[in-house]
Structures are given as C-alpha cells and as structure tokens.
Protein backbone atom coordinates (compact mmCIF):
# COMPACT_ATOMS: atom_id res chain seq x y z
CA MET A 1 -2.98 -7.43 -11.81
CA LYS A 2 0.02 -9.54 -12.07
CA ARG A 3 2.68 -7.04 -10.66
CA ILE A 4 1.17 -4.23 -8.60
CA ILE A 5 -1.98 -5.85 -7.14
CA ILE A 6 -0.59 -9.20 -6.35
CA LEU A 7 2.75 -7.93 -5.11
CA SER A 8 2.02 -4.47 -3.77
CA LEU A 9 -1.46 -4.49 -2.63
CA THR A 10 -1.57 -7.19 -0.04
CA LEU A 11 -2.66 -5.71 3.15
CA ILE A 12 -5.43 -4.16 5.25
CA LEU A 13 -3.42 -3.03 8.28
CA CYS A 14 -5.53 -3.52 11.33
CA PHE A 15 -3.40 -3.38 14.52
CA ALA A 16 -4.38 -4.80 17.99
CA LEU A 17 -3.97 -2.83 21.17
CA PRO A 18 -0.19 -2.55 21.98
CA ALA A 19 1.22 -3.57 25.24
CA THR A 20 2.56 -0.37 26.62
CA ALA A 21 1.36 3.29 26.77
CA SER A 22 4.26 4.42 24.55
CA ASP A 23 3.09 1.85 22.01
CA GLN A 24 -0.37 2.96 22.21
CA GLU A 25 0.68 6.70 21.78
CA VAL A 26 2.43 5.78 18.44
CA VAL A 27 -0.47 3.68 17.26
CA ASP A 28 -2.95 6.40 18.19
CA ARG A 29 -0.84 9.06 16.18
CA VAL A 30 -0.69 6.89 13.12
CA GLN A 31 -4.42 6.26 13.30
CA ASP A 32 -5.37 9.82 13.81
CA ARG A 33 -3.22 10.81 10.85
CA LEU A 34 -4.78 8.26 8.64
CA ASP A 35 -8.19 9.55 9.66
CA ALA A 36 -7.29 13.09 9.03
CA LEU A 37 -5.72 12.61 5.78
CA GLU A 38 -7.77 13.69 2.79
CA GLY A 39 -5.26 13.10 0.11
CA LEU A 40 -1.64 12.27 -0.61
CA LYS A 41 0.88 12.71 -3.45
CA ALA A 42 4.35 10.94 -3.21
CA ASP A 43 7.04 9.18 -4.96
CA TYR A 44 7.86 5.80 -3.95
CA VAL A 45 10.57 3.04 -4.12
CA GLN A 46 9.46 -0.47 -3.85
CA ILE A 47 11.89 -3.29 -3.07
CA LEU A 48 10.82 -6.88 -3.51
CA THR A 49 13.06 -9.51 -1.90
CA ASN A 50 13.12 -13.18 -2.80
CA ALA A 51 13.73 -15.13 0.35
CA ALA A 52 15.13 -18.30 -1.34
CA THR A 53 17.46 -16.67 -3.78
CA LYS A 54 18.12 -13.33 -1.83
CA GLU A 55 17.63 -11.48 -4.99
CA THR A 56 15.94 -8.11 -4.83
CA GLN A 57 14.03 -6.18 -7.55
CA GLU A 58 13.51 -2.25 -7.19
CA ARG A 59 10.62 -0.48 -8.67
CA THR A 60 9.99 3.21 -8.77
CA GLY A 61 6.94 5.55 -9.43
CA SER A 62 4.35 7.78 -7.87
CA ILE A 63 1.18 7.50 -5.90
CA TYR A 64 -1.83 9.65 -5.80
CA PHE A 65 -4.57 9.24 -3.29
CA LYS A 66 -7.84 11.07 -2.45
CA LYS A 67 -10.63 10.18 -0.19
CA PRO A 68 -12.91 8.16 -0.04
CA LEU A 69 -11.02 5.63 -2.27
CA GLN A 70 -9.44 7.11 -5.35
CA VAL A 71 -5.94 5.91 -6.25
CA ARG A 72 -3.48 6.38 -9.09
CA TRP A 73 -0.33 4.33 -8.89
CA GLU A 74 2.06 4.84 -11.63
CA ALA A 75 5.21 2.64 -12.04
CA ASP A 76 7.84 4.11 -14.27
CA ALA A 77 10.78 1.59 -13.63
CA PRO A 78 11.81 -1.17 -14.67
CA HIS A 79 8.57 -1.23 -16.50
CA GLN A 80 5.67 1.22 -17.14
CA GLU A 81 2.44 0.19 -15.44
CA LEU A 82 -0.57 2.11 -14.41
CA LEU A 83 -3.26 1.27 -11.63
CA VAL A 84 -6.36 3.45 -11.26
CA ILE A 85 -8.92 2.80 -8.36
CA ASP A 86 -12.16 4.65 -8.38
CA GLN A 87 -15.60 4.15 -6.74
CA ASP A 88 -16.68 1.41 -9.28
CA LYS A 89 -13.67 0.07 -11.18
CA VAL A 90 -10.02 -0.89 -10.94
CA TRP A 91 -7.91 -0.59 -14.07
CA ASN A 92 -4.39 -2.20 -14.38
CA TYR A 93 -2.86 -0.95 -17.61
CA PHE A 94 0.38 -2.26 -19.11
CA PRO A 95 1.45 0.33 -22.02
CA ASP A 96 4.24 -2.10 -23.27
CA ASP A 97 1.62 -4.77 -23.99
CA GLU A 98 -1.16 -2.42 -24.79
CA VAL A 99 -3.41 -4.52 -22.40
CA ALA A 100 -5.68 -3.19 -19.51
CA TYR A 101 -7.21 -5.41 -16.93
CA GLU A 102 -10.64 -4.49 -15.51
CA TYR A 103 -11.69 -5.39 -12.06
CA GLU A 104 -14.51 -4.70 -9.76
CA VAL A 105 -13.44 -2.62 -6.68
CA GLU A 106 -14.86 -5.19 -4.21
CA GLU A 107 -12.82 -7.87 -5.58
CA VAL A 108 -9.58 -5.86 -5.26
CA LEU A 109 -10.35 -4.83 -1.69
CA THR A 110 -11.09 -8.10 -0.41
CA SER A 111 -7.54 -9.12 -1.44
CA ARG A 112 -6.48 -7.20 1.55
CA ALA A 113 -4.26 -4.75 -0.39
CA MET A 114 -1.61 -2.38 0.97
CA ILE A 115 -3.76 0.49 -0.69
CA ASN A 116 -6.18 0.19 2.23
CA PHE A 117 -3.28 1.15 4.59
CA ILE A 118 -2.15 4.13 2.47
CA SER A 119 -5.72 5.45 1.82
CA GLY A 120 -6.68 5.47 5.31
CA GLN A 121 -9.16 2.51 5.14
CA ALA A 122 -7.18 0.72 7.94
CA LYS A 123 -8.24 0.47 11.54
CA LEU A 124 -5.37 0.09 13.93
CA THR A 125 -7.10 -1.53 16.90
CA GLU A 126 -8.39 -4.80 15.81
CA ASP A 127 -6.47 -7.85 14.33
CA PHE A 128 -2.74 -7.26 14.94
CA GLN A 129 -0.47 -7.42 17.91
CA VAL A 130 1.98 -4.48 17.92
CA GLU A 131 5.38 -4.14 19.42
CA GLU A 132 7.40 -1.01 19.44
CA GLN A 133 10.84 -1.40 17.93
CA GLY A 134 12.19 1.90 19.06
CA MET A 135 13.60 4.45 16.63
CA GLU A 136 15.39 3.83 13.37
CA ASP A 137 16.62 6.36 10.75
CA GLY A 138 14.64 9.01 12.82
CA LEU A 139 11.45 7.17 12.48
CA HIS A 140 9.20 5.16 15.03
CA LYS A 141 9.25 1.52 14.07
CA LEU A 142 6.45 -0.88 14.77
CA LYS A 143 6.42 -4.73 14.52
CA LEU A 144 3.00 -6.17 13.53
CA VAL A 145 1.93 -9.81 14.02
CA PRO A 146 -1.46 -10.69 12.65
CA ALA A 147 -3.74 -12.73 15.01
CA SER A 148 -4.78 -14.73 12.02
CA PRO A 149 -1.69 -14.98 9.57
CA GLU A 150 -2.40 -15.42 5.81
CA PRO A 151 -0.08 -16.66 3.05
CA ASP A 152 0.48 -13.10 2.03
CA LEU A 153 0.92 -11.58 5.36
CA VAL A 154 2.65 -13.20 8.44
CA LEU A 155 4.61 -10.23 9.62
CA ALA A 156 4.87 -6.60 8.99
CA TYR A 157 6.77 -3.39 9.78
CA LEU A 158 6.06 0.14 9.61
CA TRP A 159 7.83 3.37 10.11
CA SER A 160 6.16 6.69 11.00
CA ASP A 161 7.44 10.11 11.95
CA ASP A 162 6.46 12.01 15.08
CA GLN A 163 3.21 13.28 13.61
CA GLY A 164 2.19 9.64 12.69
CA LEU A 165 2.73 10.04 8.94
CA LEU A 166 3.85 6.63 7.31
CA HIS A 167 6.98 6.79 5.51
CA ARG A 168 7.91 3.12 5.05
CA ILE A 169 6.10 -0.25 5.04
CA LEU A 170 7.55 -3.79 5.09
CA LEU A 171 5.29 -6.94 4.54
CA VAL A 172 6.47 -10.49 4.87
CA ASP A 173 4.67 -13.53 3.46
CA PHE A 174 4.58 -17.04 4.38
CA PHE A 175 7.71 -17.85 2.32
CA GLY A 176 9.75 -15.02 3.85
CA ASN A 177 9.45 -12.83 0.74
CA GLY A 178 9.68 -9.22 1.45
CA ASN A 179 7.54 -6.33 -0.08
CA GLU A 180 8.93 -2.90 0.96
CA LEU A 181 7.33 0.36 0.06
CA ARG A 182 9.16 3.65 0.75
CA LEU A 183 7.38 6.85 0.34
CA GLU A 184 9.35 9.96 -0.56
CA SER A 185 8.81 13.69 -1.38
CA MET A 186 5.25 13.54 0.13
CA GLU A 187 2.80 16.19 -0.05
CA THR A 188 -0.36 15.82 2.10
CA ASP A 189 -3.80 17.00 1.15
CA PRO A 190 -2.75 18.30 -2.35
CA GLU A 191 -5.13 19.65 -5.10
CA LEU A 192 -5.82 16.70 -7.32
CA ASP A 193 -8.08 17.13 -10.21
CA ARG A 194 -10.90 14.55 -10.74
CA GLU A 195 -9.34 13.46 -14.15
CA LYS A 196 -6.32 12.10 -12.21
CA PHE A 197 -8.37 9.07 -11.22
CA GLU A 198 -10.10 8.41 -14.61
CA PHE A 199 -8.85 5.85 -17.16
CA SER A 200 -10.26 6.02 -20.67
CA PRO A 201 -8.73 3.12 -22.53
CA GLU A 202 -8.23 3.87 -26.35
CA ASP A 203 -6.52 1.38 -28.71
CA VAL A 204 -6.05 -0.92 -25.85
CA GLU A 205 -7.14 -4.50 -25.43
CA ILE A 206 -9.46 -4.90 -22.43
CA ARG A 207 -9.31 -8.04 -20.50
CA GLU A 208 -11.42 -9.15 -17.51
CA GLY A 209 -9.10 -9.24 -14.42
CA ARG A 210 -8.98 -11.86 -11.66
CA VAL A 211 -7.26 -11.79 -8.35
CA ASP A 212 -6.10 -15.15 -7.68
C-alpha cells in the first residue's frame, strides 16, 4: 500500500477533553455526528506537502463508506488506484501495473489509519489534547496534539461544520510533511450496494501486502 495506506491512512483520531466548554461542544458535535453516520459518499482532494522541498502533490478521487467498516477509496489522478476494505481483507489495486496487494484488516487498522476517522471508528475523548482555533472558511477549526506522538503523527487539524460533519483533515508527521484531505460533494447515509465493497481480481498479479 505504497501510496494510499502509507500516505493517506495514518490516523485513529482520539481527542482528549478540551479545555473550555466551547471546545467541548464542538468535539461533542463531531463525535455525535460520527456515531450517527451510517455511510458516506464524497469526492476528495488530497494535498501532500514535502516539508524539505516545499513541493506539493495533489490527488483526487472518491470515497465510499458504510458501517461497520466497508470502505472504497478510488484515486483517479494523477494515477489510478483502488483501495477496498471489507470485514476480512484489504485490497490495494494499481491498474497501470496490473498488481493488487492483499492485506489482513487487522494489519491495516493497527497502522492508525485516517480511514478510522472517516469511518467513525475514532473516539474523541482519549488520546489527544484539543485546542479550538475559531472559524476558518465557515468551518470550526480544531488543533490536535497527541499525548503520545508517533512518527506519522505529531500534529493534526480538522475542520467541521455546525452539525459536526468533517470537511477537512490535515495531518503533520515528525518531519513536518503535510497530508491534507478535503471532502467535497458529500452525501451522508447514501444507498450503497454490497458489490461496491467487493474486489474480484481477474488477470491481476496478487501480492501479499505489508505495512512497514
């Protein structure tokens, strides 16, 4: 999972109790929205920033999610890529290479993926200190500092609307590299067929995946 899992799925967002009542209200709204969300369909723009060179790379595609943990992550630019997460397996497929990597779900989830945040697996009252940053572009902004920083995550920001629905996430790693995800054209609790979360490889080389 060289592109999506390593660079995109790097976080289980667990927030500590914030310092003020207004902070608590924002966090509570986000948590309540995640708990109530049964599914999601959205387009995304992902912006990766290299801290050393200041270069950025933009990726676009679509995300589909259905509880309890079914995810389809389609990248269409600059390269096609497909990530499918179901109850038992995770598939990461690269059409240009005609190669698909197969993972166990437990292995991917223990990598602290951003998927856990999007899919409502996160709990917002445990491992992070939260500081309210006010409003930005019409959204509530929160700064998150992990109690136990890891190389993939030393700082995070998130933006939510008045109903607690997340629209933007920014993760910063130990080296200062940024991984930003912006969700657009969101549709909550859409009708999604079971086949949307199935992957049946044909004429594809299957390789055993490993999360480093």
